[in-house]
Amino acid sequence: MNKNSFQNKIASHIGKMLRDTFGKGPQSIYVSIDHTFIVIYLRNFLTPTEKLLFSQGQIRTVQHTRDIVMASLIPEIKAYLTLLTGINTVEFYYDWELHNRSGVLVARQAEEWAEELATPMTYEGKEPLHQEIGWISDQIQKRPDEIDSFMINDRTLLITRSGVLIDLSKELMGLQLEEPLKQAINHLEKKYLRNNTSIEQIFNTTIVDVFVDWDFAADTSIIVLILMPAS
């Protein structure tokens, strides 16, 4: 099965799952596949009820409800991706930009995709990007032990980090305060990443959407930047 076939099947299945669960699916779904990653970008995804809550400032309510729903959907999504690709999904991340009505789902699989499906891991601007991400991480937690990144396509930039959490964050996790910790870090990191002129200058583009998610237990995280497509 070629890449386009994989992408179409995944987009169709995810769209149906979200429509069945939320009562309304995204207007469009873009699936990108590279290396060990499947990145699913959702646009115009906000139900009428969520829109009402959002207009009343009940953002946390929308986020909390989506977290509950995603907890039930993730095992099904991972099982489907394994059935489709024959490769186990070992990590799964998601995040929303509610003000843009957008979202992203990221599956990381256990094995590299076939060489013909993967683009080179090096790209122009990688080193200065890592320097900027290291600096941002250091402002909020600490400089990561490891940073890697993948230019999935000309509009999808994925960054992975490990070894970022400081002792205070780990202590809050031990006190079962993971949800407010995640909200706080997510909010702070997006403040640095949205309209980040340094990153935009590196790639001569505009950042359209910023997504951040964490696996606190493993001290790993992903950042997905959606960039303005080249004209």
Protein backbone atom coordinates (compact mmCIF):
# COMPACT_ATOMS: atom_id res chain seq x y z
CA MET A 1 0.00 0.00 0.00
CA ASN A 2 1.44 3.39 -0.97
CA LYS A 3 1.60 6.49 1.20
CA ASN A 4 -1.46 8.16 -0.34
CA SER A 5 -3.58 5.09 0.29
CA PHE A 6 -2.49 4.97 3.92
CA GLN A 7 -3.24 8.66 4.34
CA ASN A 8 -6.71 8.43 2.79
CA LYS A 9 -7.71 5.40 4.84
CA ILE A 10 -6.52 6.99 8.09
CA ALA A 11 -8.27 10.30 7.36
CA SER A 12 -11.54 8.53 6.54
CA HIS A 13 -11.44 6.35 9.65
CA ILE A 14 -10.50 9.15 12.05
CA GLY A 15 -13.16 11.42 10.57
CA LYS A 16 -15.85 8.80 11.11
CA MET A 17 -14.69 8.11 14.68
CA LEU A 18 -14.83 11.79 15.60
CA ARG A 19 -18.22 12.31 13.96
CA ASP A 20 -19.67 9.29 15.73
CA THR A 21 -18.27 10.38 19.11
CA PHE A 22 -18.67 14.17 19.04
CA GLY A 23 -21.66 14.39 16.71
CA LYS A 24 -19.60 16.60 14.38
CA GLY A 25 -16.31 15.84 12.70
CA PRO A 26 -13.57 18.12 11.37
CA GLN A 27 -14.19 19.94 8.11
CA SER A 28 -10.86 18.67 6.82
CA ILE A 29 -8.24 16.14 7.91
CA TYR A 30 -4.64 16.10 6.67
CA VAL A 31 -2.56 12.99 7.32
CA SER A 32 1.23 13.08 7.03
CA ILE A 33 3.45 10.01 7.34
CA ASP A 34 7.21 10.05 7.83
CA HIS A 35 9.84 8.08 9.75
CA THR A 36 8.08 6.66 12.82
CA PHE A 37 5.34 9.32 12.87
CA ILE A 38 1.78 9.65 11.69
CA VAL A 39 0.59 13.25 12.08
CA ILE A 40 -3.14 13.93 11.74
CA TYR A 41 -4.06 17.62 11.47
CA LEU A 42 -7.71 18.55 12.04
CA ARG A 43 -9.26 21.82 10.86
CA ASN A 44 -12.57 23.48 11.74
CA PHE A 45 -13.36 21.05 14.56
CA LEU A 46 -15.63 22.55 17.21
CA THR A 47 -19.10 21.26 18.01
CA PRO A 48 -22.03 23.67 18.57
CA THR A 49 -22.00 22.92 22.32
CA GLU A 50 -18.24 23.50 22.52
CA LYS A 51 -18.63 26.72 20.56
CA LEU A 52 -21.16 27.96 23.13
CA LEU A 53 -18.93 26.99 26.05
CA PHE A 54 -15.92 28.58 24.38
CA SER A 55 -17.83 31.85 23.82
CA GLN A 56 -18.64 31.89 27.56
CA GLY A 57 -14.99 31.43 28.51
CA GLN A 58 -15.42 27.78 29.56
CA ILE A 59 -12.24 26.68 27.80
CA ARG A 60 -11.17 24.33 30.60
CA THR A 61 -14.55 22.57 30.41
CA VAL A 62 -14.10 21.92 26.69
CA GLN A 63 -10.55 20.71 27.20
CA HIS A 64 -11.51 18.44 30.12
CA THR A 65 -14.39 16.91 28.17
CA ARG A 66 -12.17 16.25 25.18
CA ASP A 67 -9.57 14.62 27.44
CA ILE A 68 -12.23 12.21 28.72
CA VAL A 69 -13.37 11.39 25.18
CA MET A 70 -9.82 10.97 23.86
CA ALA A 71 -8.98 8.57 26.69
CA SER A 72 -11.61 6.22 25.26
CA LEU A 73 -10.70 6.83 21.59
CA ILE A 74 -6.93 6.46 21.75
CA PRO A 75 -6.88 2.65 22.25
CA GLU A 76 -9.19 2.25 19.25
CA ILE A 77 -7.10 4.60 17.10
CA LYS A 78 -3.88 2.78 18.04
CA ALA A 79 -5.46 -0.60 17.29
CA TYR A 80 -6.64 0.63 13.89
CA LEU A 81 -3.21 2.01 12.96
CA THR A 82 -1.57 -1.26 13.97
CA LEU A 83 -4.09 -3.23 11.90
CA LEU A 84 -3.56 -0.94 8.90
CA THR A 85 0.22 -0.68 8.99
CA GLY A 86 1.28 -3.84 10.80
CA ILE A 87 3.41 -1.69 13.14
CA ASN A 88 2.68 -1.17 16.83
CA THR A 89 1.96 2.37 18.02
CA VAL A 90 4.16 2.97 21.06
CA GLU A 91 3.36 6.62 21.78
CA PHE A 92 0.30 8.78 21.15
CA TYR A 93 -0.09 12.52 21.63
CA TYR A 94 -2.81 15.08 20.91
CA ASP A 95 -3.51 18.75 21.43
CA TRP A 96 -6.03 21.42 20.42
CA GLU A 97 -5.91 25.06 19.38
CA LEU A 98 -9.52 25.83 20.21
CA HIS A 99 -9.35 29.48 19.14
CA ASN A 100 -8.39 28.22 15.66
CA ARG A 101 -10.80 25.25 15.82
CA SER A 102 -7.88 22.99 15.00
CA GLY A 103 -6.20 19.97 16.52
CA VAL A 104 -3.48 17.41 15.99
CA LEU A 105 -3.10 13.71 16.73
CA VAL A 106 0.39 12.17 16.60
CA ALA A 107 1.15 8.46 16.64
CA ARG A 108 4.72 7.31 17.02
CA GLN A 109 5.30 3.77 15.86
CA ALA A 110 7.89 1.24 16.90
CA GLU A 111 9.67 0.93 13.57
CA GLU A 112 10.86 3.29 10.86
CA TRP A 113 8.65 3.51 7.81
CA ALA A 114 10.01 2.08 4.60
CA GLU A 115 12.78 4.19 3.09
CA GLU A 116 10.58 5.27 0.18
CA LEU A 117 8.06 6.76 2.64
CA ALA A 118 10.61 8.71 4.68
CA THR A 119 12.22 12.04 3.90
CA PRO A 120 15.80 12.86 4.95
CA MET A 121 16.20 13.57 8.68
CA THR A 122 18.43 16.57 8.00
CA TYR A 123 17.02 19.82 6.64
CA GLU A 124 18.05 23.45 6.43
CA GLY A 125 17.48 25.32 9.68
CA LYS A 126 17.51 22.28 11.97
CA GLU A 127 20.36 23.41 14.21
CA PRO A 128 19.10 26.97 14.88
CA LEU A 129 15.62 25.54 15.49
CA HIS A 130 17.03 23.21 18.15
CA GLN A 131 18.83 26.13 19.76
CA GLU A 132 15.57 28.10 19.95
CA ILE A 133 13.62 25.13 21.35
CA GLY A 134 16.36 24.53 23.92
CA TRP A 135 16.20 28.18 24.99
CA ILE A 136 12.39 28.10 25.30
CA SER A 137 12.49 24.89 27.32
CA ASP A 138 15.09 26.43 29.62
CA GLN A 139 12.81 29.40 30.37
CA ILE A 140 10.02 27.13 31.63
CA GLN A 141 11.66 23.91 32.83
CA LYS A 142 15.22 23.11 31.78
CA ARG A 143 17.16 22.55 28.58
CA PRO A 144 16.21 19.10 27.25
CA ASP A 145 18.63 16.20 27.47
CA GLU A 146 17.71 15.40 23.86
CA ILE A 147 16.03 17.33 21.04
CA ASP A 148 15.20 15.94 17.62
CA SER A 149 13.00 17.25 14.83
CA PHE A 150 11.47 16.16 11.55
CA MET A 151 10.28 18.28 8.64
CA ILE A 152 7.40 15.96 7.84
CA ASN A 153 6.40 18.07 4.85
CA ASP A 154 6.58 21.73 3.85
CA ARG A 155 3.92 22.71 6.38
CA THR A 156 4.38 20.20 9.22
CA LEU A 157 7.37 20.46 11.55
CA LEU A 158 7.53 17.97 14.43
CA ILE A 159 9.91 18.35 17.38
CA THR A 160 10.58 15.76 20.09
CA ARG A 161 12.18 16.39 23.46
CA SER A 162 13.19 14.24 26.41
CA GLY A 163 14.56 15.04 29.83
CA VAL A 164 12.91 18.44 30.31
CA LEU A 165 11.06 18.22 33.62
CA ILE A 166 12.51 19.83 36.73
CA ASP A 167 12.15 18.41 40.25
CA LEU A 168 9.24 20.73 41.07
CA SER A 169 7.21 19.36 38.17
CA LYS A 170 7.99 15.78 39.19
CA GLU A 171 6.87 16.57 42.74
CA LEU A 172 3.57 18.02 41.46
CA MET A 173 3.05 14.82 39.48
CA GLY A 174 3.61 12.83 42.66
CA LEU A 175 0.87 14.93 44.29
CA GLN A 176 -1.48 13.95 41.44
CA LEU A 177 -1.53 17.47 40.03
CA GLU A 178 -0.67 16.37 36.49
CA GLU A 179 -3.65 18.09 34.82
CA PRO A 180 -3.00 21.63 36.13
CA LEU A 181 0.74 21.11 35.56
CA LYS A 182 0.09 20.16 31.93
CA GLN A 183 -2.23 23.13 31.43
CA ALA A 184 0.34 25.54 32.88
CA ILE A 185 3.27 24.22 30.83
CA ASN A 186 1.14 24.05 27.68
CA HIS A 187 0.03 27.66 28.15
CA LEU A 188 3.56 28.95 28.80
CA GLU A 189 5.22 27.08 25.96
CA LYS A 190 2.61 28.22 23.46
CA LYS A 191 3.20 31.82 24.53
CA TYR A 192 6.83 31.42 23.44
CA LEU A 193 6.03 29.44 20.28
CA ARG A 194 3.11 31.39 18.82
CA ASN A 195 4.28 34.19 16.54
CA ASN A 196 7.88 33.19 17.27
CA THR A 197 9.81 35.49 14.96
CA SER A 198 13.05 33.54 15.38
CA ILE A 199 11.51 30.31 14.08
CA GLU A 200 9.59 32.14 11.38
CA GLN A 201 12.81 33.78 10.19
CA ILE A 202 14.68 30.46 10.18
CA PHE A 203 12.17 28.98 7.75
CA ASN A 204 11.00 32.19 6.07
CA THR A 205 7.38 31.38 6.83
CA THR A 206 4.54 32.08 9.27
CA ILE A 207 3.48 29.77 12.11
CA VAL A 208 -0.21 28.96 11.67
CA ASP A 209 -0.82 26.56 14.58
CA VAL A 210 1.14 25.36 17.62
CA PHE A 211 0.49 22.07 19.39
CA VAL A 212 2.26 20.71 22.48
CA ASP A 213 1.70 17.47 24.38
CA TRP A 214 3.54 15.53 27.07
CA ASP A 215 4.08 12.06 28.39
CA PHE A 216 5.04 13.13 31.89
CA ALA A 217 5.76 9.59 33.10
CA ALA A 218 8.40 9.16 30.39
CA ASP A 219 9.51 12.83 30.52
CA THR A 220 9.03 13.18 26.78
CA SER A 221 7.06 15.67 24.73
CA ILE A 222 6.23 16.64 21.17
CA ILE A 223 5.73 19.99 19.52
CA VAL A 224 3.98 20.27 16.16
CA LEU A 225 4.25 23.53 14.26
CA ILE A 226 1.92 24.01 11.29
CA LEU A 227 3.59 26.41 8.90
CA MET A 228 2.15 28.57 6.16
CA PRO A 229 2.43 26.59 2.91
CA ALA A 230 4.87 27.93 0.38
CA SER A 231 3.11 30.06 -2.22
